[in-house]
Amino acid sequence: MTGRGQPACARAGGIGQDEGVTTASALDPDTEHRIRDSIDRQTLLTTLGVTIAGLASGRVVLDLPYRADLCQQNGYVHAGAITAVADSACGYAAASLMPAGRDVLTVEFKVNLLRPARGDWFRATAEVARAGRTLTVCSAQVVAWAGGREQKPVALMQATMMAVDPGPAGGEEPVPTARPRT
């Protein structure tokens, strides 16, 4: 954490800069590169100003800075922005456990908005609860930070991700794949 209650990665202004979040098990370099590269291609995350705070096997931490243009009419960060960062953290947590050449799509999620999103920035921490060949269940918590200190959680998410083969270049839809049981 550096100055004004913002994480170092948010002040540096780039996706892919870690703040030193403790992790359970480090990713191998190829998987980490694949995840970082995918996050860099997520134009919504770039638009929101989301940065990576931590990557580990089955665990991803993303930070969303407060910005007035992300707020709803009462001055709180919009639930859509909070949900987007939680969903992305869940998706990348699931993707971190998949082999190269596989990707994920969200097939369902449930969000509990616990209180208005008020703070200097918001940290979404997602972990895989159960990884399967086709479906992976994840959970995420989004916590507000203000004045350099962690505040209370503002949202909880439970999400189901589906393994897919990435679509061909040109924007075609990825093709869902079910692997035969062995």
N, C-alpha and C. Protein backbone atom coordinates (compact mmCIF):
# COMPACT_ATOMS: atom_id res chain seq x y z
N MET A 1 0.86 -1.17 0.00
CA MET A 1 0.00 0.00 0.00
C MET A 1 0.90 1.22 0.00
N THR A 2 0.60 2.17 -0.85
CA THR A 2 1.40 3.38 -0.89
C THR A 2 0.48 4.58 -1.00
N GLY A 3 0.67 5.55 -0.15
CA GLY A 3 0.00 6.83 -0.18
C GLY A 3 -1.48 6.82 -0.53
N ARG A 4 -2.22 7.70 0.05
CA ARG A 4 -3.62 7.99 -0.25
C ARG A 4 -4.52 6.77 -0.28
N GLY A 5 -4.14 5.69 0.41
CA GLY A 5 -5.04 4.55 0.53
C GLY A 5 -5.20 3.72 -0.72
N GLN A 6 -4.36 3.94 -1.73
CA GLN A 6 -4.47 3.16 -2.95
C GLN A 6 -3.38 2.11 -2.97
N PRO A 7 -3.67 0.95 -3.55
CA PRO A 7 -2.64 -0.05 -3.68
C PRO A 7 -1.58 0.44 -4.66
N ALA A 8 -0.36 -0.04 -4.51
CA ALA A 8 0.72 0.35 -5.40
C ALA A 8 0.37 0.07 -6.85
N CYS A 9 -0.31 -1.05 -7.11
CA CYS A 9 -0.62 -1.41 -8.49
C CYS A 9 -1.61 -0.43 -9.10
N ALA A 10 -2.54 0.10 -8.33
CA ALA A 10 -3.51 1.04 -8.87
C ALA A 10 -2.83 2.36 -9.21
N ARG A 11 -1.90 2.81 -8.35
CA ARG A 11 -1.21 4.06 -8.61
C ARG A 11 -0.26 3.93 -9.79
N ALA A 12 0.30 2.75 -9.99
CA ALA A 12 1.22 2.55 -11.10
C ALA A 12 0.48 2.60 -12.43
N GLY A 13 -0.83 2.27 -12.40
CA GLY A 13 -1.66 2.45 -13.56
C GLY A 13 -1.61 1.34 -14.60
N GLY A 14 -1.19 0.16 -14.24
CA GLY A 14 -1.14 -0.89 -15.25
C GLY A 14 -1.64 -2.21 -14.73
N ILE A 15 -2.33 -2.92 -15.59
CA ILE A 15 -2.73 -4.26 -15.24
C ILE A 15 -1.48 -5.11 -15.22
N GLY A 16 -1.41 -6.00 -14.27
CA GLY A 16 -0.30 -6.94 -14.24
C GLY A 16 0.78 -6.59 -13.25
N GLN A 17 0.57 -5.61 -12.39
CA GLN A 17 1.56 -5.26 -11.40
C GLN A 17 1.05 -5.69 -10.04
N ASP A 18 1.81 -6.55 -9.38
CA ASP A 18 1.38 -7.12 -8.11
C ASP A 18 1.75 -6.23 -6.94
N GLU A 19 0.94 -6.32 -5.88
CA GLU A 19 1.19 -5.58 -4.66
C GLU A 19 1.81 -6.48 -3.60
N GLY A 20 1.98 -7.74 -3.85
CA GLY A 20 2.58 -8.63 -2.86
C GLY A 20 1.56 -9.32 -2.00
N VAL A 21 0.44 -9.70 -2.55
CA VAL A 21 -0.56 -10.45 -1.83
C VAL A 21 -0.02 -11.86 -1.59
N THR A 22 -0.17 -12.37 -0.39
CA THR A 22 0.32 -13.72 -0.12
C THR A 22 -0.50 -14.72 -0.90
N THR A 23 0.16 -15.74 -1.39
CA THR A 23 -0.52 -16.73 -2.21
C THR A 23 -0.22 -18.12 -1.68
N ALA A 24 -1.16 -19.02 -1.90
CA ALA A 24 -1.03 -20.40 -1.43
C ALA A 24 -0.02 -21.16 -2.26
N SER A 25 -0.12 -21.10 -3.57
CA SER A 25 0.79 -21.85 -4.43
C SER A 25 1.00 -21.08 -5.71
N ALA A 26 2.24 -20.78 -6.00
CA ALA A 26 2.56 -19.96 -7.16
C ALA A 26 2.20 -20.66 -8.46
N LEU A 27 1.88 -19.87 -9.44
CA LEU A 27 1.61 -20.40 -10.77
C LEU A 27 2.93 -20.67 -11.49
N ASP A 28 2.91 -21.65 -12.37
CA ASP A 28 4.10 -21.84 -13.20
C ASP A 28 4.17 -20.66 -14.16
N PRO A 29 5.36 -20.31 -14.65
CA PRO A 29 5.52 -19.11 -15.48
C PRO A 29 4.63 -19.08 -16.73
N ASP A 30 4.43 -20.23 -17.38
CA ASP A 30 3.59 -20.25 -18.58
C ASP A 30 2.14 -19.92 -18.26
N THR A 31 1.62 -20.50 -17.17
CA THR A 31 0.23 -20.23 -16.78
C THR A 31 0.08 -18.78 -16.35
N GLU A 32 1.04 -18.28 -15.59
CA GLU A 32 0.97 -16.87 -15.17
C GLU A 32 0.98 -15.95 -16.38
N HIS A 33 1.83 -16.22 -17.35
CA HIS A 33 1.88 -15.40 -18.57
C HIS A 33 0.55 -15.47 -19.32
N ARG A 34 -0.02 -16.67 -19.41
CA ARG A 34 -1.30 -16.85 -20.11
C ARG A 34 -2.41 -16.06 -19.43
N ILE A 35 -2.45 -16.10 -18.09
CA ILE A 35 -3.49 -15.37 -17.34
C ILE A 35 -3.29 -13.86 -17.49
N ARG A 36 -2.06 -13.40 -17.30
CA ARG A 36 -1.79 -11.96 -17.44
C ARG A 36 -2.12 -11.46 -18.84
N ASP A 37 -1.76 -12.24 -19.86
CA ASP A 37 -2.03 -11.86 -21.23
C ASP A 37 -3.54 -11.77 -21.47
N SER A 38 -4.30 -12.71 -20.95
CA SER A 38 -5.74 -12.69 -21.11
C SER A 38 -6.35 -11.48 -20.40
N ILE A 39 -5.89 -11.20 -19.20
CA ILE A 39 -6.40 -10.03 -18.47
C ILE A 39 -6.09 -8.75 -19.25
N ASP A 40 -4.90 -8.67 -19.82
CA ASP A 40 -4.54 -7.49 -20.61
C ASP A 40 -5.46 -7.31 -21.83
N ARG A 41 -6.02 -8.40 -22.35
CA ARG A 41 -6.92 -8.32 -23.51
C ARG A 41 -8.35 -8.01 -23.10
N GLN A 42 -8.66 -8.00 -21.83
CA GLN A 42 -10.02 -7.72 -21.34
C GLN A 42 -10.24 -6.21 -21.34
N THR A 43 -10.82 -5.71 -22.40
CA THR A 43 -10.98 -4.26 -22.51
C THR A 43 -11.90 -3.68 -21.43
N LEU A 44 -12.86 -4.45 -20.95
CA LEU A 44 -13.71 -3.94 -19.87
C LEU A 44 -12.86 -3.70 -18.61
N LEU A 45 -11.98 -4.63 -18.28
CA LEU A 45 -11.14 -4.46 -17.09
C LEU A 45 -10.23 -3.25 -17.24
N THR A 46 -9.70 -3.04 -18.44
CA THR A 46 -8.86 -1.86 -18.70
C THR A 46 -9.69 -0.59 -18.53
N THR A 47 -10.89 -0.59 -19.07
CA THR A 47 -11.78 0.57 -18.96
C THR A 47 -12.09 0.88 -17.49
N LEU A 48 -12.31 -0.16 -16.69
CA LEU A 48 -12.62 0.03 -15.27
C LEU A 48 -11.39 0.40 -14.45
N GLY A 49 -10.19 0.20 -15.00
CA GLY A 49 -8.96 0.50 -14.26
C GLY A 49 -8.54 -0.63 -13.34
N VAL A 50 -8.99 -1.84 -13.60
CA VAL A 50 -8.69 -3.00 -12.75
C VAL A 50 -7.22 -3.38 -12.88
N THR A 51 -6.61 -3.71 -11.76
CA THR A 51 -5.23 -4.17 -11.72
C THR A 51 -5.14 -5.51 -10.99
N ILE A 52 -4.07 -6.22 -11.26
CA ILE A 52 -3.84 -7.51 -10.61
C ILE A 52 -3.11 -7.26 -9.29
N ALA A 53 -3.67 -7.80 -8.22
CA ALA A 53 -3.03 -7.72 -6.91
C ALA A 53 -2.39 -9.04 -6.52
N GLY A 54 -2.84 -10.14 -7.13
CA GLY A 54 -2.25 -11.44 -6.82
C GLY A 54 -2.75 -12.53 -7.73
N LEU A 55 -1.84 -13.43 -8.08
CA LEU A 55 -2.18 -14.60 -8.89
C LEU A 55 -1.58 -15.82 -8.22
N ALA A 56 -2.38 -16.85 -8.08
CA ALA A 56 -1.90 -18.13 -7.55
C ALA A 56 -2.76 -19.21 -8.17
N SER A 57 -2.38 -20.43 -7.96
CA SER A 57 -3.14 -21.55 -8.48
C SER A 57 -4.50 -21.61 -7.78
N GLY A 58 -5.58 -21.39 -8.55
CA GLY A 58 -6.92 -21.42 -7.99
C GLY A 58 -7.32 -20.18 -7.20
N ARG A 59 -6.52 -19.12 -7.29
CA ARG A 59 -6.81 -17.89 -6.52
C ARG A 59 -6.34 -16.67 -7.31
N VAL A 60 -7.24 -15.70 -7.48
CA VAL A 60 -6.90 -14.46 -8.17
C VAL A 60 -7.46 -13.30 -7.37
N VAL A 61 -6.65 -12.24 -7.28
CA VAL A 61 -7.04 -11.03 -6.55
C VAL A 61 -6.91 -9.85 -7.51
N LEU A 62 -8.03 -9.14 -7.70
CA LEU A 62 -8.07 -7.98 -8.57
C LEU A 62 -8.51 -6.75 -7.79
N ASP A 63 -7.94 -5.60 -8.14
CA ASP A 63 -8.29 -4.33 -7.50
C ASP A 63 -9.00 -3.41 -8.47
N LEU A 64 -10.05 -2.77 -7.98
CA LEU A 64 -10.84 -1.80 -8.74
C LEU A 64 -10.74 -0.46 -8.01
N PRO A 65 -10.20 0.58 -8.66
CA PRO A 65 -10.12 1.88 -7.99
C PRO A 65 -11.48 2.60 -7.99
N TYR A 66 -11.69 3.43 -6.98
CA TYR A 66 -12.87 4.30 -6.98
C TYR A 66 -12.66 5.34 -8.07
N ARG A 67 -13.69 5.57 -8.86
CA ARG A 67 -13.71 6.67 -9.82
C ARG A 67 -15.14 7.17 -9.88
N ALA A 68 -15.29 8.47 -9.93
CA ALA A 68 -16.63 9.06 -9.97
C ALA A 68 -17.44 8.57 -11.17
N ASP A 69 -16.76 8.29 -12.29
CA ASP A 69 -17.50 7.85 -13.48
C ASP A 69 -17.96 6.39 -13.40
N LEU A 70 -17.61 5.69 -12.32
CA LEU A 70 -18.08 4.33 -12.10
C LEU A 70 -19.23 4.27 -11.10
N CYS A 71 -19.69 5.43 -10.68
CA CYS A 71 -20.69 5.50 -9.61
C CYS A 71 -22.12 5.57 -10.15
N GLN A 72 -23.04 5.12 -9.31
CA GLN A 72 -24.44 5.27 -9.61
C GLN A 72 -24.90 6.62 -9.07
N GLN A 73 -26.18 6.89 -9.13
CA GLN A 73 -26.73 8.22 -8.83
C GLN A 73 -26.52 8.70 -7.39
N ASN A 74 -26.24 7.78 -6.45
CA ASN A 74 -26.05 8.18 -5.05
C ASN A 74 -24.58 8.28 -4.66
N GLY A 75 -23.68 8.11 -5.63
CA GLY A 75 -22.26 8.29 -5.37
C GLY A 75 -21.51 7.03 -4.96
N TYR A 76 -22.20 5.89 -4.91
CA TYR A 76 -21.53 4.61 -4.61
C TYR A 76 -21.06 3.98 -5.92
N VAL A 77 -19.98 3.19 -5.87
CA VAL A 77 -19.55 2.49 -7.07
C VAL A 77 -20.69 1.56 -7.48
N HIS A 78 -21.00 1.58 -8.76
CA HIS A 78 -22.14 0.85 -9.31
C HIS A 78 -21.96 -0.66 -9.10
N ALA A 79 -23.05 -1.33 -8.79
CA ALA A 79 -23.04 -2.78 -8.59
C ALA A 79 -22.54 -3.51 -9.83
N GLY A 80 -22.75 -2.94 -11.01
CA GLY A 80 -22.25 -3.56 -12.23
C GLY A 80 -20.74 -3.62 -12.27
N ALA A 81 -20.08 -2.57 -11.79
CA ALA A 81 -18.61 -2.57 -11.75
C ALA A 81 -18.10 -3.55 -10.70
N ILE A 82 -18.76 -3.58 -9.54
CA ILE A 82 -18.37 -4.51 -8.47
C ILE A 82 -18.56 -5.95 -8.95
N THR A 83 -19.69 -6.21 -9.61
CA THR A 83 -19.97 -7.55 -10.11
C THR A 83 -18.98 -7.95 -11.19
N ALA A 84 -18.63 -7.03 -12.07
CA ALA A 84 -17.69 -7.33 -13.15
C ALA A 84 -16.33 -7.74 -12.61
N VAL A 85 -15.83 -7.05 -11.60
CA VAL A 85 -14.52 -7.40 -11.06
C VAL A 85 -14.57 -8.72 -10.30
N ALA A 86 -15.67 -9.01 -9.60
CA ALA A 86 -15.81 -10.30 -8.91
C ALA A 86 -15.91 -11.44 -9.91
N ASP A 87 -16.69 -11.26 -10.97
CA ASP A 87 -16.84 -12.28 -12.01
C ASP A 87 -15.50 -12.55 -12.70
N SER A 88 -14.77 -11.51 -13.02
CA SER A 88 -13.47 -11.68 -13.68
C SER A 88 -12.49 -12.39 -12.77
N ALA A 89 -12.47 -12.04 -11.49
CA ALA A 89 -11.58 -12.72 -10.55
C ALA A 89 -11.92 -14.21 -10.48
N CYS A 90 -13.22 -14.54 -10.43
CA CYS A 90 -13.64 -15.95 -10.42
C CYS A 90 -13.21 -16.66 -11.71
N GLY A 91 -13.42 -16.02 -12.83
CA GLY A 91 -13.06 -16.63 -14.11
C GLY A 91 -11.57 -16.92 -14.20
N TYR A 92 -10.75 -15.98 -13.76
CA TYR A 92 -9.31 -16.20 -13.84
C TYR A 92 -8.82 -17.18 -12.79
N ALA A 93 -9.49 -17.25 -11.65
CA ALA A 93 -9.13 -18.28 -10.66
C ALA A 93 -9.37 -19.66 -11.27
N ALA A 94 -10.51 -19.82 -11.96
CA ALA A 94 -10.81 -21.09 -12.63
C ALA A 94 -9.81 -21.36 -13.75
N ALA A 95 -9.52 -20.34 -14.55
CA ALA A 95 -8.60 -20.50 -15.68
C ALA A 95 -7.19 -20.88 -15.22
N SER A 96 -6.82 -20.44 -14.02
CA SER A 96 -5.47 -20.74 -13.52
C SER A 96 -5.25 -22.23 -13.28
N LEU A 97 -6.33 -23.00 -13.19
CA LEU A 97 -6.23 -24.44 -12.97
C LEU A 97 -6.39 -25.25 -14.26
N MET A 98 -6.63 -24.56 -15.37
CA MET A 98 -6.88 -25.26 -16.63
C MET A 98 -5.59 -25.37 -17.44
N PRO A 99 -5.52 -26.42 -18.25
CA PRO A 99 -4.33 -26.57 -19.09
C PRO A 99 -4.30 -25.52 -20.20
N ALA A 100 -3.13 -25.30 -20.76
CA ALA A 100 -2.99 -24.39 -21.90
C ALA A 100 -3.95 -24.84 -22.99
N GLY A 101 -4.49 -23.88 -23.72
CA GLY A 101 -5.41 -24.21 -24.79
C GLY A 101 -6.86 -24.30 -24.35
N ARG A 102 -7.13 -24.08 -23.08
CA ARG A 102 -8.49 -24.07 -22.56
C ARG A 102 -8.81 -22.66 -22.06
N ASP A 103 -10.07 -22.33 -22.05
CA ASP A 103 -10.51 -21.04 -21.55
C ASP A 103 -11.78 -21.26 -20.74
N VAL A 104 -12.33 -20.21 -20.17
CA VAL A 104 -13.55 -20.33 -19.38
C VAL A 104 -14.58 -19.30 -19.81
N LEU A 105 -15.82 -19.65 -19.61
CA LEU A 105 -16.95 -18.72 -19.73
C LEU A 105 -17.78 -18.86 -18.48
N THR A 106 -18.31 -17.75 -18.01
CA THR A 106 -19.23 -17.79 -16.88
C THR A 106 -20.56 -18.34 -17.37
N VAL A 107 -21.08 -19.33 -16.65
CA VAL A 107 -22.40 -19.86 -17.03
C VAL A 107 -23.46 -19.47 -16.01
N GLU A 108 -23.03 -19.07 -14.81
CA GLU A 108 -24.01 -18.62 -13.82
C GLU A 108 -23.27 -17.97 -12.67
N PHE A 109 -23.92 -16.98 -12.05
CA PHE A 109 -23.40 -16.46 -10.79
C PHE A 109 -24.51 -15.88 -9.95
N LYS A 110 -24.25 -15.81 -8.68
CA LYS A 110 -25.16 -15.21 -7.70
C LYS A 110 -24.35 -14.19 -6.92
N VAL A 111 -24.85 -12.98 -6.81
CA VAL A 111 -24.16 -11.93 -6.08
C VAL A 111 -25.03 -11.46 -4.93
N ASN A 112 -24.44 -11.36 -3.76
CA ASN A 112 -25.08 -10.71 -2.62
C ASN A 112 -24.38 -9.37 -2.44
N LEU A 113 -25.13 -8.29 -2.58
CA LEU A 113 -24.60 -6.95 -2.33
C LEU A 113 -24.87 -6.65 -0.87
N LEU A 114 -23.81 -6.61 -0.08
CA LEU A 114 -23.94 -6.54 1.37
C LEU A 114 -24.12 -5.14 1.92
N ARG A 115 -23.55 -4.17 1.25
CA ARG A 115 -23.65 -2.77 1.66
C ARG A 115 -23.24 -1.89 0.49
N PRO A 116 -23.54 -0.60 0.53
CA PRO A 116 -23.13 0.27 -0.58
C PRO A 116 -21.61 0.24 -0.76
N ALA A 117 -21.17 0.28 -2.01
CA ALA A 117 -19.74 0.24 -2.34
C ALA A 117 -19.15 1.63 -2.19
N ARG A 118 -18.63 1.86 -0.99
CA ARG A 118 -18.06 3.15 -0.63
C ARG A 118 -16.62 2.88 -0.20
N GLY A 119 -15.66 3.57 -0.81
CA GLY A 119 -14.26 3.39 -0.45
C GLY A 119 -13.35 3.99 -1.50
N ASP A 120 -12.02 3.91 -1.22
CA ASP A 120 -11.03 4.43 -2.15
C ASP A 120 -10.74 3.44 -3.28
N TRP A 121 -10.86 2.16 -2.96
CA TRP A 121 -10.68 1.09 -3.93
C TRP A 121 -11.29 -0.18 -3.38
N PHE A 122 -11.44 -1.19 -4.26
CA PHE A 122 -12.16 -2.41 -3.91
C PHE A 122 -11.34 -3.61 -4.36
N ARG A 123 -11.17 -4.57 -3.48
CA ARG A 123 -10.38 -5.77 -3.77
C ARG A 123 -11.30 -6.98 -3.88
N ALA A 124 -11.27 -7.62 -5.05
CA ALA A 124 -12.02 -8.86 -5.29
C ALA A 124 -11.06 -10.03 -5.17
N THR A 125 -11.31 -10.90 -4.20
CA THR A 125 -10.50 -12.10 -4.00
C THR A 125 -11.36 -13.30 -4.34
N ALA A 126 -10.92 -14.06 -5.34
CA ALA A 126 -11.69 -15.23 -5.80
C ALA A 126 -10.86 -16.49 -5.60
N GLU A 127 -11.56 -17.55 -5.19
CA GLU A 127 -10.92 -18.85 -5.02
C GLU A 127 -11.81 -19.94 -5.61
N VAL A 128 -11.16 -20.96 -6.12
CA VAL A 128 -11.89 -22.11 -6.66
C VAL A 128 -12.35 -22.97 -5.49
N ALA A 129 -13.63 -23.28 -5.46
CA ALA A 129 -14.18 -24.18 -4.44
C ALA A 129 -14.11 -25.63 -4.90
N ARG A 130 -14.38 -25.84 -6.21
CA ARG A 130 -14.31 -27.19 -6.78
C ARG A 130 -14.04 -27.08 -8.26
N ALA A 131 -12.99 -27.73 -8.71
CA ALA A 131 -12.64 -27.72 -10.13
C ALA A 131 -12.96 -29.07 -10.74
N GLY A 132 -13.72 -29.04 -11.82
CA GLY A 132 -14.02 -30.26 -12.56
C GLY A 132 -13.52 -30.14 -13.98
N ARG A 133 -13.74 -31.18 -14.77
CA ARG A 133 -13.29 -31.14 -16.17
C ARG A 133 -14.03 -30.08 -16.97
N THR A 134 -15.32 -29.96 -16.74
CA THR A 134 -16.12 -29.02 -17.52
C THR A 134 -16.57 -27.83 -16.69
N LEU A 135 -17.03 -28.06 -15.46
CA LEU A 135 -17.52 -26.98 -14.61
C LEU A 135 -16.61 -26.77 -13.41
N THR A 136 -16.41 -25.49 -13.09
CA THR A 136 -15.62 -25.11 -11.92
C THR A 136 -16.44 -24.13 -11.11
N VAL A 137 -16.56 -24.37 -9.82
CA VAL A 137 -17.31 -23.48 -8.93
C VAL A 137 -16.31 -22.63 -8.15
N CYS A 138 -16.56 -21.33 -8.14
CA CYS A 138 -15.68 -20.37 -7.46
C CYS A 138 -16.50 -19.48 -6.54
N SER A 139 -15.82 -18.88 -5.59
CA SER A 139 -16.45 -17.86 -4.76
C SER A 139 -15.53 -16.64 -4.72
N ALA A 140 -16.13 -15.48 -4.56
CA ALA A 140 -15.37 -14.24 -4.47
C ALA A 140 -15.96 -13.35 -3.40
N GLN A 141 -15.10 -12.57 -2.80
CA GLN A 141 -15.51 -11.54 -1.86
C GLN A 141 -14.90 -10.23 -2.33
N VAL A 142 -15.70 -9.17 -2.34
CA VAL A 142 -15.20 -7.85 -2.69
C VAL A 142 -15.23 -7.00 -1.42
N VAL A 143 -14.07 -6.48 -1.06
CA VAL A 143 -13.91 -5.70 0.16
C VAL A 143 -13.52 -4.27 -0.20
N ALA A 144 -14.14 -3.30 0.46
CA ALA A 144 -13.79 -1.90 0.27
C ALA A 144 -12.58 -1.55 1.13
N TRP A 145 -11.73 -0.69 0.60
CA TRP A 145 -10.59 -0.15 1.34
C TRP A 145 -10.73 1.36 1.35
N ALA A 146 -10.48 1.98 2.49
CA ALA A 146 -10.55 3.43 2.61
C ALA A 146 -9.52 3.88 3.64
N GLY A 147 -8.88 4.99 3.36
CA GLY A 147 -7.89 5.52 4.30
C GLY A 147 -6.75 4.55 4.55
N GLY A 148 -6.45 3.69 3.58
CA GLY A 148 -5.35 2.75 3.73
C GLY A 148 -5.68 1.53 4.56
N ARG A 149 -6.94 1.37 4.94
CA ARG A 149 -7.34 0.23 5.78
C ARG A 149 -8.49 -0.54 5.14
N GLU A 150 -8.46 -1.85 5.39
CA GLU A 150 -9.55 -2.70 4.91
C GLU A 150 -10.82 -2.36 5.67
N GLN A 151 -11.90 -2.25 4.93
CA GLN A 151 -13.20 -1.98 5.52
C GLN A 151 -14.00 -3.29 5.47
N LYS A 152 -15.30 -3.17 5.44
CA LYS A 152 -16.16 -4.36 5.43
C LYS A 152 -16.40 -4.84 4.00
N PRO A 153 -16.75 -6.14 3.85
CA PRO A 153 -17.10 -6.65 2.52
C PRO A 153 -18.33 -5.92 1.97
N VAL A 154 -18.29 -5.68 0.65
CA VAL A 154 -19.44 -5.04 0.00
C VAL A 154 -20.21 -6.04 -0.86
N ALA A 155 -19.56 -7.16 -1.24
CA ALA A 155 -20.26 -8.13 -2.09
C ALA A 155 -19.64 -9.51 -1.94
N LEU A 156 -20.49 -10.51 -2.12
CA LEU A 156 -20.07 -11.91 -2.18
C LEU A 156 -20.61 -12.49 -3.48
N MET A 157 -19.83 -13.37 -4.10
CA MET A 157 -20.28 -14.00 -5.34
C MET A 157 -19.99 -15.49 -5.27
N GLN A 158 -20.90 -16.27 -5.80
CA GLN A 158 -20.63 -17.67 -6.10
C GLN A 158 -20.88 -17.81 -7.59
N ALA A 159 -19.91 -18.42 -8.29
CA ALA A 159 -19.99 -18.49 -9.74
C ALA A 159 -19.64 -19.88 -10.24
N THR A 160 -20.23 -20.23 -11.37
CA THR A 160 -19.90 -21.47 -12.06
C THR A 160 -19.29 -21.10 -13.40
N MET A 161 -18.11 -21.66 -13.66
CA MET A 161 -17.39 -21.40 -14.91
C MET A 161 -17.37 -22.70 -15.72
N MET A 162 -17.46 -22.56 -17.04
CA MET A 162 -17.43 -23.72 -17.93
C MET A 162 -16.16 -23.68 -18.76
N ALA A 163 -15.47 -24.81 -18.84
CA ALA A 163 -14.29 -24.94 -19.68
C ALA A 163 -14.71 -24.93 -21.14
N VAL A 164 -14.00 -24.16 -21.95
CA VAL A 164 -14.27 -24.09 -23.39
C VAL A 164 -12.94 -24.08 -24.13
N ASP A 165 -13.02 -24.45 -25.41
CA ASP A 165 -11.89 -24.25 -26.30
C ASP A 165 -12.02 -22.83 -26.83
N PRO A 166 -10.93 -22.06 -26.82
CA PRO A 166 -11.03 -20.68 -27.32
C PRO A 166 -11.49 -20.67 -28.77
N GLY A 167 -12.30 -19.67 -29.10
CA GLY A 167 -12.78 -19.54 -30.47
C GLY A 167 -11.66 -19.09 -31.39
N PRO A 168 -11.83 -19.29 -32.69
CA PRO A 168 -10.83 -18.84 -33.65
C PRO A 168 -10.73 -17.32 -33.63
N ALA A 169 -9.62 -16.80 -34.09
CA ALA A 169 -9.44 -15.35 -34.18
C ALA A 169 -10.57 -14.77 -35.01
N GLY A 170 -10.91 -13.53 -34.75
CA GLY A 170 -11.96 -12.89 -35.52
C GLY A 170 -13.25 -12.74 -34.75
N GLY A 171 -13.24 -13.09 -33.46
CA GLY A 171 -14.38 -12.82 -32.62
C GLY A 171 -15.47 -13.86 -32.63
N GLU A 172 -15.24 -15.01 -33.27
CA GLU A 172 -16.26 -16.05 -33.23
C GLU A 172 -16.37 -16.59 -31.81
N GLU A 173 -17.53 -17.12 -31.50
CA GLU A 173 -17.77 -17.64 -30.15
C GLU A 173 -16.90 -18.85 -29.85
N PRO A 174 -16.37 -18.93 -28.60
CA PRO A 174 -15.68 -20.16 -28.20
C PRO A 174 -16.66 -21.32 -28.19
N VAL A 175 -16.15 -22.50 -28.43
CA VAL A 175 -16.99 -23.69 -28.50
C VAL A 175 -16.92 -24.45 -27.18
N PRO A 176 -18.07 -24.63 -26.47
CA PRO A 176 -18.06 -25.42 -25.24
C PRO A 176 -17.66 -26.85 -25.57
N THR A 177 -16.88 -27.43 -24.67
CA THR A 177 -16.45 -28.81 -24.91
C THR A 177 -16.63 -29.60 -23.64
N ALA A 178 -17.21 -30.76 -23.78
CA ALA A 178 -17.29 -31.70 -22.66
C ALA A 178 -16.29 -32.80 -22.98
N ARG A 179 -15.44 -33.07 -22.04
CA ARG A 179 -14.45 -34.11 -22.22
C ARG A 179 -15.09 -35.46 -21.88
N PRO A 180 -14.79 -36.49 -22.68
CA PRO A 180 -15.34 -37.81 -22.34
C PRO A 180 -14.80 -38.29 -21.01
N ARG A 181 -15.65 -38.93 -20.24
CA ARG A 181 -15.20 -39.49 -18.96
C ARG A 181 -14.33 -40.69 -19.20
N THR A 182 -13.29 -40.79 -18.41
CA THR A 182 -12.41 -41.95 -18.55
C THR A 182 -12.44 -42.81 -17.32
